[in-house]
Amino acid sequence: TADVPQLWDLIDLYAPDRRLLSKALVTLYEDIQDFVV
């Protein structure tokens, strides 16, 4: 969960060109167990 702010920033690097869809912060916390960094 401590990684979530950095995950959010990283994902949002690619959201403007639609490479990734922006995610709500709460969604990242809810799904954190799915992630590796």
PDB file of all heavy atoms in Angstrom:
ATOM      1  N   THR A   1       0.824  -1.207   0.000  1.00  0.00           N
ATOM      2  CA  THR A   1       0.000   0.000   0.000  1.00  0.00           C
ATOM      3  C   THR A   1       0.859   1.258   0.000  1.00  0.00           C
ATOM      4  O   THR A   1       0.439   2.289  -0.528  1.00  0.00           O
ATOM      5  CB  THR A   1      -0.964   0.017   1.197  1.00  0.00           C
ATOM      6  OG1 THR A   1      -0.221  -0.128   2.410  1.00  0.00           O
ATOM      7  CG2 THR A   1      -1.990  -1.107   1.088  1.00  0.00           C
ATOM      8  N   ALA A   2       2.063   1.180   0.540  1.00  0.00           N
ATOM      9  CA  ALA A   2       2.950   2.343   0.522  1.00  0.00           C
ATOM     10  C   ALA A   2       3.384   2.718  -0.897  1.00  0.00           C
ATOM     11  O   ALA A   2       3.782   3.864  -1.144  1.00  0.00           O
ATOM     12  CB  ALA A   2       4.184   2.081   1.392  1.00  0.00           C
ATOM     13  N   ASP A   3       3.278   1.792  -1.839  1.00  0.00           N
ATOM     14  CA  ASP A   3       3.661   2.046  -3.237  1.00  0.00           C
ATOM     15  C   ASP A   3       2.570   2.765  -4.025  1.00  0.00           C
ATOM     16  O   ASP A   3       2.834   3.267  -5.118  1.00  0.00           O
ATOM     17  CB  ASP A   3       3.954   0.725  -3.967  1.00  0.00           C
ATOM     18  CG  ASP A   3       5.135  -0.025  -3.400  1.00  0.00           C
ATOM     19  OD1 ASP A   3       6.139   0.626  -3.047  1.00  0.00           O
ATOM     20  OD2 ASP A   3       5.050  -1.267  -3.312  1.00  0.00           O
ATOM     21  N   VAL A   4       1.362   2.808  -3.510  1.00  0.00           N
ATOM     22  CA  VAL A   4       0.223   3.304  -4.288  1.00  0.00           C
ATOM     23  C   VAL A   4       0.436   4.714  -4.841  1.00  0.00           C
ATOM     24  O   VAL A   4       0.171   4.946  -6.024  1.00  0.00           O
ATOM     25  CB  VAL A   4      -1.100   3.168  -3.509  1.00  0.00           C
ATOM     26  CG1 VAL A   4      -2.230   3.938  -4.181  1.00  0.00           C
ATOM     27  CG2 VAL A   4      -1.462   1.694  -3.370  1.00  0.00           C
ATOM     28  N   PRO A   5       0.913   5.690  -4.071  1.00  0.00           N
ATOM     29  CA  PRO A   5       1.101   7.020  -4.680  1.00  0.00           C
ATOM     30  C   PRO A   5       2.054   7.004  -5.885  1.00  0.00           C
ATOM     31  O   PRO A   5       1.792   7.672  -6.891  1.00  0.00           O
ATOM     32  CB  PRO A   5       1.668   7.863  -3.530  1.00  0.00           C
ATOM     33  CG  PRO A   5       1.134   7.196  -2.294  1.00  0.00           C
ATOM     34  CD  PRO A   5       1.150   5.720  -2.619  1.00  0.00           C
ATOM     35  N   GLN A   6       3.127   6.204  -5.803  1.00  0.00           N
ATOM     36  CA  GLN A   6       4.043   6.124  -6.937  1.00  0.00           C
ATOM     37  C   GLN A   6       3.421   5.358  -8.105  1.00  0.00           C
ATOM     38  O   GLN A   6       3.657   5.702  -9.276  1.00  0.00           O
ATOM     39  CB  GLN A   6       5.360   5.453  -6.526  1.00  0.00           C
ATOM     40  CG  GLN A   6       6.220   6.318  -5.620  1.00  0.00           C
ATOM     41  CD  GLN A   6       7.561   5.681  -5.388  1.00  0.00           C
ATOM     42  OE1 GLN A   6       8.392   5.654  -6.306  1.00  0.00           O
ATOM     43  NE2 GLN A   6       7.789   5.161  -4.198  1.00  0.00           N
ATOM     44  N   LEU A   7       2.625   4.329  -7.810  1.00  0.00           N
ATOM     45  CA  LEU A   7       1.914   3.612  -8.876  1.00  0.00           C
ATOM     46  C   LEU A   7       0.971   4.558  -9.616  1.00  0.00           C
ATOM     47  O   LEU A   7       0.918   4.555 -10.849  1.00  0.00           O
ATOM     48  CB  LEU A   7       1.096   2.452  -8.298  1.00  0.00           C
ATOM     49  CG  LEU A   7       1.838   1.210  -7.847  1.00  0.00           C
ATOM     50  CD1 LEU A   7       0.892   0.258  -7.144  1.00  0.00           C
ATOM     51  CD2 LEU A   7       2.501   0.530  -9.017  1.00  0.00           C
ATOM     52  N   TRP A   8       0.244   5.335  -8.845  1.00  0.00           N
ATOM     53  CA  TRP A   8      -0.717   6.287  -9.418  1.00  0.00           C
ATOM     54  C   TRP A   8      -0.001   7.265 -10.351  1.00  0.00           C
ATOM     55  O   TRP A   8      -0.446   7.508 -11.480  1.00  0.00           O
ATOM     56  CB  TRP A   8      -1.412   7.007  -8.273  1.00  0.00           C
ATOM     57  CG  TRP A   8      -2.647   7.756  -8.633  1.00  0.00           C
ATOM     58  CD1 TRP A   8      -3.649   7.371  -9.483  1.00  0.00           C
ATOM     59  CD2 TRP A   8      -3.038   9.031  -8.123  1.00  0.00           C
ATOM     60  NE1 TRP A   8      -4.630   8.325  -9.528  1.00  0.00           N
ATOM     61  CE2 TRP A   8      -4.285   9.355  -8.694  1.00  0.00           C
ATOM     62  CE3 TRP A   8      -2.462   9.917  -7.224  1.00  0.00           C
ATOM     63  CZ2 TRP A   8      -4.948  10.543  -8.409  1.00  0.00           C
ATOM     64  CZ3 TRP A   8      -3.138  11.086  -6.939  1.00  0.00           C
ATOM     65  CH2 TRP A   8      -4.356  11.392  -7.525  1.00  0.00           C
ATOM     66  N   ASP A   9       1.124   7.817  -9.899  1.00  0.00           N
ATOM     67  CA  ASP A   9       1.899   8.738 -10.743  1.00  0.00           C
ATOM     68  C   ASP A   9       2.417   8.044 -12.000  1.00  0.00           C
ATOM     69  O   ASP A   9       2.376   8.614 -13.091  1.00  0.00           O
ATOM     70  CB  ASP A   9       3.082   9.316  -9.964  1.00  0.00           C
ATOM     71  CG  ASP A   9       2.669  10.307  -8.895  1.00  0.00           C
ATOM     72  OD1 ASP A   9       1.541  10.847  -8.964  1.00  0.00           O
ATOM     73  OD2 ASP A   9       3.484  10.538  -7.976  1.00  0.00           O
ATOM     74  N   LEU A  10       2.913   6.828 -11.855  1.00  0.00           N
ATOM     75  CA  LEU A  10       3.456   6.082 -12.994  1.00  0.00           C
ATOM     76  C   LEU A  10       2.369   5.793 -14.024  1.00  0.00           C
ATOM     77  O   LEU A  10       2.546   6.035 -15.224  1.00  0.00           O
ATOM     78  CB  LEU A  10       4.095   4.776 -12.506  1.00  0.00           C
ATOM     79  CG  LEU A  10       4.598   3.804 -13.576  1.00  0.00           C
ATOM     80  CD1 LEU A  10       5.627   4.460 -14.487  1.00  0.00           C
ATOM     81  CD2 LEU A  10       5.182   2.562 -12.900  1.00  0.00           C
ATOM     82  N   ILE A  11       1.238   5.301 -13.572  1.00  0.00           N
ATOM     83  CA  ILE A  11       0.140   4.993 -14.494  1.00  0.00           C
ATOM     84  C   ILE A  11      -0.334   6.254 -15.210  1.00  0.00           C
ATOM     85  O   ILE A  11      -0.590   6.243 -16.415  1.00  0.00           O
ATOM     86  CB  ILE A  11      -1.009   4.304 -13.734  1.00  0.00           C
ATOM     87  CG1 ILE A  11      -0.543   2.916 -13.263  1.00  0.00           C
ATOM     88  CG2 ILE A  11      -2.267   4.201 -14.596  1.00  0.00           C
ATOM     89  CD1 ILE A  11      -1.411   2.298 -12.192  1.00  0.00           C
ATOM     90  N   ASP A  12      -0.402   7.356 -14.482  1.00  0.00           N
ATOM     91  CA  ASP A  12      -0.868   8.606 -15.086  1.00  0.00           C
ATOM     92  C   ASP A  12       0.117   9.199 -16.095  1.00  0.00           C
ATOM     93  O   ASP A  12      -0.266  10.067 -16.879  1.00  0.00           O
ATOM     94  CB  ASP A  12      -1.245   9.624 -14.008  1.00  0.00           C
ATOM     95  CG  ASP A  12      -2.657   9.386 -13.481  1.00  0.00           C
ATOM     96  OD1 ASP A  12      -3.363   8.503 -14.023  1.00  0.00           O
ATOM     97  OD2 ASP A  12      -3.061  10.080 -12.540  1.00  0.00           O
ATOM     98  N   LEU A  13       1.359   8.716 -16.128  1.00  0.00           N
ATOM     99  CA  LEU A  13       2.277   9.138 -17.193  1.00  0.00           C
ATOM    100  C   LEU A  13       1.759   8.694 -18.562  1.00  0.00           C
ATOM    101  O   LEU A  13       2.003   9.349 -19.567  1.00  0.00           O
ATOM    102  CB  LEU A  13       3.670   8.519 -16.988  1.00  0.00           C
ATOM    103  CG  LEU A  13       4.564   9.069 -15.903  1.00  0.00           C
ATOM    104  CD1 LEU A  13       5.843   8.239 -15.816  1.00  0.00           C
ATOM    105  CD2 LEU A  13       4.907  10.524 -16.177  1.00  0.00           C
ATOM    106  N   TYR A  14       1.066   7.547 -18.585  1.00  0.00           N
ATOM    107  CA  TYR A  14       0.637   6.943 -19.844  1.00  0.00           C
ATOM    108  C   TYR A  14      -0.847   7.141 -20.132  1.00  0.00           C
ATOM    109  O   TYR A  14      -1.326   6.713 -21.180  1.00  0.00           O
ATOM    110  CB  TYR A  14       0.993   5.450 -19.835  1.00  0.00           C
ATOM    111  CG  TYR A  14       2.490   5.255 -19.764  1.00  0.00           C
ATOM    112  CD1 TYR A  14       3.121   4.993 -18.555  1.00  0.00           C
ATOM    113  CD2 TYR A  14       3.277   5.382 -20.902  1.00  0.00           C
ATOM    114  CE1 TYR A  14       4.499   4.851 -18.480  1.00  0.00           C
ATOM    115  CE2 TYR A  14       4.649   5.240 -20.841  1.00  0.00           C
ATOM    116  CZ  TYR A  14       5.257   4.975 -19.631  1.00  0.00           C
ATOM    117  OH  TYR A  14       6.619   4.840 -19.563  1.00  0.00           O
ATOM    118  N   ALA A  15      -1.562   7.782 -19.225  1.00  0.00           N
ATOM    119  CA  ALA A  15      -2.993   8.006 -19.432  1.00  0.00           C
ATOM    120  C   ALA A  15      -3.293   9.045 -20.520  1.00  0.00           C
ATOM    121  O   ALA A  15      -4.228   8.838 -21.305  1.00  0.00           O
ATOM    122  CB  ALA A  15      -3.667   8.388 -18.118  1.00  0.00           C
ATOM    123  N   PRO A  16      -2.544  10.156 -20.622  1.00  0.00           N
ATOM    124  CA  PRO A  16      -2.893  11.164 -21.633  1.00  0.00           C
ATOM    125  C   PRO A  16      -2.901  10.634 -23.070  1.00  0.00           C
ATOM    126  O   PRO A  16      -3.720  11.042 -23.879  1.00  0.00           O
ATOM    127  CB  PRO A  16      -1.815  12.241 -21.455  1.00  0.00           C
ATOM    128  CG  PRO A  16      -1.404  12.112 -20.030  1.00  0.00           C
ATOM    129  CD  PRO A  16      -1.468  10.628 -19.743  1.00  0.00           C
ATOM    130  N   ASP A  17      -2.001   9.690 -23.394  1.00  0.00           N
ATOM    131  CA  ASP A  17      -2.001   9.140 -24.752  1.00  0.00           C
ATOM    132  C   ASP A  17      -2.764   7.812 -24.835  1.00  0.00           C
ATOM    133  O   ASP A  17      -2.665   7.090 -25.816  1.00  0.00           O
ATOM    134  CB  ASP A  17      -0.573   9.001 -25.298  1.00  0.00           C
ATOM    135  CG  ASP A  17       0.263   7.983 -24.558  1.00  0.00           C
ATOM    136  OD1 ASP A  17      -0.224   7.381 -23.579  1.00  0.00           O
ATOM    137  OD2 ASP A  17       1.425   7.774 -24.960  1.00  0.00           O
ATOM    138  N   ARG A  18      -3.516   7.501 -23.775  1.00  0.00           N
ATOM    139  CA  ARG A  18      -4.405   6.335 -23.713  1.00  0.00           C
ATOM    140  C   ARG A  18      -3.675   5.004 -23.777  1.00  0.00           C
ATOM    141  O   ARG A  18      -4.263   3.990 -24.133  1.00  0.00           O
ATOM    142  CB  ARG A  18      -5.506   6.438 -24.757  1.00  0.00           C
ATOM    143  CG  ARG A  18      -6.364   7.682 -24.581  1.00  0.00           C
ATOM    144  CD  ARG A  18      -7.457   7.801 -25.616  1.00  0.00           C
ATOM    145  NE  ARG A  18      -8.304   6.638 -25.646  1.00  0.00           N
ATOM    146  CZ  ARG A  18      -9.479   6.540 -25.037  1.00  0.00           C
ATOM    147  NH1 ARG A  18      -9.941   7.541 -24.355  1.00  0.00           N
ATOM    148  NH2 ARG A  18     -10.193   5.435 -25.132  1.00  0.00           N
ATOM    149  N   ARG A  19      -2.389   4.997 -23.465  1.00  0.00           N
ATOM    150  CA  ARG A  19      -1.662   3.722 -23.360  1.00  0.00           C
ATOM    151  C   ARG A  19      -2.172   2.929 -22.165  1.00  0.00           C
ATOM    152  O   ARG A  19      -2.200   1.709 -22.188  1.00  0.00           O
ATOM    153  CB  ARG A  19      -0.153   3.948 -23.220  1.00  0.00           C
ATOM    154  CG  ARG A  19       0.491   4.537 -24.440  1.00  0.00           C
ATOM    155  CD  ARG A  19       0.588   3.493 -25.499  1.00  0.00           C
ATOM    156  NE  ARG A  19       1.213   4.038 -26.680  1.00  0.00           N
ATOM    157  CZ  ARG A  19       1.222   3.417 -27.828  1.00  0.00           C
ATOM    158  NH1 ARG A  19       0.670   2.252 -27.958  1.00  0.00           N
ATOM    159  NH2 ARG A  19       1.782   3.960 -28.867  1.00  0.00           N
ATOM    160  N   LEU A  20      -2.547   3.650 -21.118  1.00  0.00           N
ATOM    161  CA  LEU A  20      -3.191   3.076 -19.940  1.00  0.00           C
ATOM    162  C   LEU A  20      -4.357   3.974 -19.566  1.00  0.00           C
ATOM    163  O   LEU A  20      -4.316   5.177 -19.816  1.00  0.00           O
ATOM    164  CB  LEU A  20      -2.225   3.011 -18.746  1.00  0.00           C
ATOM    165  CG  LEU A  20      -1.046   2.060 -18.833  1.00  0.00           C
ATOM    166  CD1 LEU A  20      -0.157   2.214 -17.607  1.00  0.00           C
ATOM    167  CD2 LEU A  20      -1.499   0.620 -18.975  1.00  0.00           C
ATOM    168  N   LEU A  21      -5.356   3.372 -18.951  1.00  0.00           N
ATOM    169  CA  LEU A  21      -6.458   4.168 -18.434  1.00  0.00           C
ATOM    170  C   LEU A  21      -6.094   4.639 -17.039  1.00  0.00           C
ATOM    171  O   LEU A  21      -5.559   3.877 -16.233  1.00  0.00           O
ATOM    172  CB  LEU A  21      -7.736   3.342 -18.374  1.00  0.00           C
ATOM    173  CG  LEU A  21      -8.316   2.922 -19.722  1.00  0.00           C
ATOM    174  CD1 LEU A  21      -9.530   2.033 -19.513  1.00  0.00           C
ATOM    175  CD2 LEU A  21      -8.676   4.127 -20.558  1.00  0.00           C
ATOM    176  N   SER A  22      -6.366   5.888 -16.762  1.00  0.00           N
ATOM    177  CA  SER A  22      -6.132   6.425 -15.432  1.00  0.00           C
ATOM    178  C   SER A  22      -6.981   5.637 -14.439  1.00  0.00           C
ATOM    179  O   SER A  22      -8.087   5.198 -14.768  1.00  0.00           O
ATOM    180  CB  SER A  22      -6.508   7.905 -15.401  1.00  0.00           C
ATOM    181  OG  SER A  22      -6.189   8.453 -14.159  1.00  0.00           O
ATOM    182  N   LYS A  23      -6.461   5.459 -13.249  1.00  0.00           N
ATOM    183  CA  LYS A  23      -7.185   4.720 -12.216  1.00  0.00           C
ATOM    184  C   LYS A  23      -7.393   5.622 -11.016  1.00  0.00           C
ATOM    185  O   LYS A  23      -6.525   6.408 -10.664  1.00  0.00           O
ATOM    186  CB  LYS A  23      -6.400   3.482 -11.785  1.00  0.00           C
ATOM    187  CG  LYS A  23      -6.265   2.441 -12.878  1.00  0.00           C
ATOM    188  CD  LYS A  23      -5.624   1.189 -12.339  1.00  0.00           C
ATOM    189  CE  LYS A  23      -5.476   0.131 -13.384  1.00  0.00           C
ATOM    190  NZ  LYS A  23      -6.704  -0.454 -13.842  1.00  0.00           N
ATOM    191  N   ALA A  24      -8.532   5.471 -10.384  1.00  0.00           N
ATOM    192  CA  ALA A  24      -8.782   6.188  -9.141  1.00  0.00           C
ATOM    193  C   ALA A  24      -7.851   5.636  -8.069  1.00  0.00           C
ATOM    194  O   ALA A  24      -7.534   4.442  -8.062  1.00  0.00           O
ATOM    195  CB  ALA A  24     -10.237   6.011  -8.716  1.00  0.00           C
ATOM    196  N   LEU A  25      -7.421   6.492  -7.191  1.00  0.00           N
ATOM    197  CA  LEU A  25      -6.532   6.085  -6.112  1.00  0.00           C
ATOM    198  C   LEU A  25      -7.145   4.937  -5.304  1.00  0.00           C
ATOM    199  O   LEU A  25      -6.458   3.966  -4.974  1.00  0.00           O
ATOM    200  CB  LEU A  25      -6.251   7.297  -5.214  1.00  0.00           C
ATOM    201  CG  LEU A  25      -4.981   7.310  -4.402  1.00  0.00           C
ATOM    202  CD1 LEU A  25      -3.751   6.994  -5.217  1.00  0.00           C
ATOM    203  CD2 LEU A  25      -4.826   8.667  -3.720  1.00  0.00           C
ATOM    204  N   VAL A  26      -8.425   5.018  -5.025  1.00  0.00           N
ATOM    205  CA  VAL A  26      -9.087   3.964  -4.254  1.00  0.00           C
ATOM    206  C   VAL A  26      -9.018   2.621  -4.982  1.00  0.00           C
ATOM    207  O   VAL A  26      -8.858   1.577  -4.360  1.00  0.00           O
ATOM    208  CB  VAL A  26     -10.543   4.344  -3.890  1.00  0.00           C
ATOM    209  CG1 VAL A  26     -11.432   4.412  -5.124  1.00  0.00           C
ATOM    210  CG2 VAL A  26     -11.099   3.382  -2.856  1.00  0.00           C
ATOM    211  N   THR A  27      -9.092   2.641  -6.302  1.00  0.00           N
ATOM    212  CA  THR A  27      -9.015   1.403  -7.083  1.00  0.00           C
ATOM    213  C   THR A  27      -7.647   0.761  -6.926  1.00  0.00           C
ATOM    214  O   THR A  27      -7.539  -0.465  -6.802  1.00  0.00           O
ATOM    215  CB  THR A  27      -9.318   1.685  -8.569  1.00  0.00           C
ATOM    216  OG1 THR A  27     -10.616   2.257  -8.659  1.00  0.00           O
ATOM    217  CG2 THR A  27      -9.252   0.427  -9.404  1.00  0.00           C
ATOM    218  N   LEU A  28      -6.603   1.573  -6.923  1.00  0.00           N
ATOM    219  CA  LEU A  28      -5.262   1.016  -6.733  1.00  0.00           C
ATOM    220  C   LEU A  28      -5.124   0.374  -5.358  1.00  0.00           C
ATOM    221  O   LEU A  28      -4.527  -0.699  -5.231  1.00  0.00           O
ATOM    222  CB  LEU A  28      -4.194   2.089  -6.952  1.00  0.00           C
ATOM    223  CG  LEU A  28      -4.035   2.536  -8.402  1.00  0.00           C
ATOM    224  CD1 LEU A  28      -3.090   3.719  -8.488  1.00  0.00           C
ATOM    225  CD2 LEU A  28      -3.541   1.385  -9.260  1.00  0.00           C
ATOM    226  N   TYR A  29      -5.656   1.012  -4.338  1.00  0.00           N
ATOM    227  CA  TYR A  29      -5.617   0.392  -3.002  1.00  0.00           C
ATOM    228  C   TYR A  29      -6.414  -0.911  -2.985  1.00  0.00           C
ATOM    229  O   TYR A  29      -5.959  -1.917  -2.433  1.00  0.00           O
ATOM    230  CB  TYR A  29      -6.147   1.352  -1.937  1.00  0.00           C
ATOM    231  CG  TYR A  29      -5.146   2.407  -1.535  1.00  0.00           C
ATOM    232  CD1 TYR A  29      -5.366   3.739  -1.850  1.00  0.00           C
ATOM    233  CD2 TYR A  29      -3.980   2.066  -0.852  1.00  0.00           C
ATOM    234  CE1 TYR A  29      -4.449   4.719  -1.484  1.00  0.00           C
ATOM    235  CE2 TYR A  29      -3.057   3.040  -0.486  1.00  0.00           C
ATOM    236  CZ  TYR A  29      -3.298   4.363  -0.802  1.00  0.00           C
ATOM    237  OH  TYR A  29      -2.382   5.321  -0.444  1.00  0.00           O
ATOM    238  N   GLU A  30      -7.582  -0.910  -3.607  1.00  0.00           N
ATOM    239  CA  GLU A  30      -8.412  -2.116  -3.633  1.00  0.00           C
ATOM    240  C   GLU A  30      -7.734  -3.271  -4.367  1.00  0.00           C
ATOM    241  O   GLU A  30      -7.914  -4.435  -4.008  1.00  0.00           O
ATOM    242  CB  GLU A  30      -9.754  -1.823  -4.306  1.00  0.00           C
ATOM    243  CG  GLU A  30     -10.673  -0.942  -3.508  1.00  0.00           C
ATOM    244  CD  GLU A  30     -11.905  -0.517  -4.284  1.00  0.00           C
ATOM    245  OE1 GLU A  30     -11.934  -0.610  -5.532  1.00  0.00           O
ATOM    246  OE2 GLU A  30     -12.847  -0.070  -3.622  1.00  0.00           O
ATOM    247  N   ASP A  31      -6.952  -2.955  -5.379  1.00  0.00           N
ATOM    248  CA  ASP A  31      -6.339  -3.980  -6.230  1.00  0.00           C
ATOM    249  C   ASP A  31      -4.857  -4.213  -5.942  1.00  0.00           C
ATOM    250  O   ASP A  31      -4.192  -4.906  -6.710  1.00  0.00           O
ATOM    251  CB  ASP A  31      -6.504  -3.592  -7.704  1.00  0.00           C
ATOM    252  CG  ASP A  31      -7.953  -3.566  -8.150  1.00  0.00           C
ATOM    253  OD1 ASP A  31      -8.809  -4.159  -7.459  1.00  0.00           O
ATOM    254  OD2 ASP A  31      -8.238  -2.945  -9.192  1.00  0.00           O
ATOM    255  N   ILE A  32      -4.330  -3.670  -4.864  1.00  0.00           N
ATOM    256  CA  ILE A  32      -2.887  -3.713  -4.630  1.00  0.00           C
ATOM    257  C   ILE A  32      -2.334  -5.141  -4.627  1.00  0.00           C
ATOM    258  O   ILE A  32      -1.205  -5.375  -5.060  1.00  0.00           O
ATOM    259  CB  ILE A  32      -2.497  -2.936  -3.329  1.00  0.00           C
ATOM    260  CG1 ILE A  32      -0.989  -2.666  -3.310  1.00  0.00           C
ATOM    261  CG2 ILE A  32      -2.953  -3.688  -2.091  1.00  0.00           C
ATOM    262  CD1 ILE A  32      -0.492  -1.775  -4.423  1.00  0.00           C
ATOM    263  N   GLN A  33      -3.119  -6.107  -4.173  1.00  0.00           N
ATOM    264  CA  GLN A  33      -2.634  -7.484  -4.122  1.00  0.00           C
ATOM    265  C   GLN A  33      -2.393  -8.063  -5.512  1.00  0.00           C
ATOM    266  O   GLN A  33      -1.687  -9.064  -5.639  1.00  0.00           O
ATOM    267  CB  GLN A  33      -3.581  -8.372  -3.313  1.00  0.00           C
ATOM    268  CG  GLN A  33      -4.931  -8.615  -3.949  1.00  0.00           C
ATOM    269  CD  GLN A  33      -5.931  -7.490  -3.721  1.00  0.00           C
ATOM    270  OE1 GLN A  33      -5.655  -6.487  -3.073  1.00  0.00           O
ATOM    271  NE2 GLN A  33      -7.120  -7.649  -4.280  1.00  0.00           N
ATOM    272  N   ASP A  34      -2.929  -7.444  -6.562  1.00  0.00           N
ATOM    273  CA  ASP A  34      -2.704  -7.895  -7.938  1.00  0.00           C
ATOM    274  C   ASP A  34      -1.359  -7.420  -8.497  1.00  0.00           C
ATOM    275  O   ASP A  34      -0.889  -7.955  -9.501  1.00  0.00           O
ATOM    276  CB  ASP A  34      -3.797  -7.357  -8.874  1.00  0.00           C
ATOM    277  CG  ASP A  34      -5.162  -7.971  -8.649  1.00  0.00           C
ATOM    278  OD1 ASP A  34      -5.291  -8.922  -7.855  1.00  0.00           O
ATOM    279  OD2 ASP A  34      -6.127  -7.477  -9.279  1.00  0.00           O
ATOM    280  N   PHE A  35      -0.758  -6.417  -7.866  1.00  0.00           N
ATOM    281  CA  PHE A  35       0.398  -5.721  -8.448  1.00  0.00           C
ATOM    282  C   PHE A  35       1.746  -6.253  -7.984  1.00  0.00           C
ATOM    283  O   PHE A  35       1.921  -6.653  -6.835  1.00  0.00           O
ATOM    284  CB  PHE A  35       0.349  -4.227  -8.092  1.00  0.00           C
ATOM    285  CG  PHE A  35      -0.548  -3.424  -8.985  1.00  0.00           C
ATOM    286  CD1 PHE A  35      -1.895  -3.313  -8.705  1.00  0.00           C
ATOM    287  CD2 PHE A  35      -0.047  -2.796 -10.124  1.00  0.00           C
ATOM    288  CE1 PHE A  35      -2.735  -2.575  -9.521  1.00  0.00           C
ATOM    289  CE2 PHE A  35      -0.875  -2.061 -10.943  1.00  0.00           C
ATOM    290  CZ  PHE A  35      -2.229  -1.955 -10.641  1.00  0.00           C
ATOM    291  N   VAL A  36       2.687  -6.187  -8.919  1.00  0.00           N
ATOM    292  CA  VAL A  36       4.114  -6.298  -8.611  1.00  0.00           C
ATOM    293  C   VAL A  36       4.746  -4.990  -9.068  1.00  0.00           C
ATOM    294  O   VAL A  36       4.219  -4.309  -9.952  1.00  0.00           O
ATOM    295  CB  VAL A  36       4.796  -7.505  -9.295  1.00  0.00           C
ATOM    296  CG1 VAL A  36       4.232  -8.813  -8.769  1.00  0.00           C
ATOM    297  CG2 VAL A  36       4.691  -7.438 -10.804  1.00  0.00           C
ATOM    298  N   VAL A  37       5.863  -4.649  -8.456  1.00  0.00           N
ATOM    299  CA  VAL A  37       6.589  -3.447  -8.855  1.00  0.00           C
ATOM    300  C   VAL A  37       8.054  -3.787  -9.074  1.00  0.00           C
ATOM    301  O   VAL A  37       8.578  -4.736  -8.497  1.00  0.00           O
ATOM    302  CB  VAL A  37       6.468  -2.312  -7.803  1.00  0.00           C
ATOM    303  CG1 VAL A  37       5.032  -1.857  -7.662  1.00  0.00           C
ATOM    304  CG2 VAL A  37       7.050  -2.717  -6.467  1.00  0.00           C
TER     305      VAL A  37
END
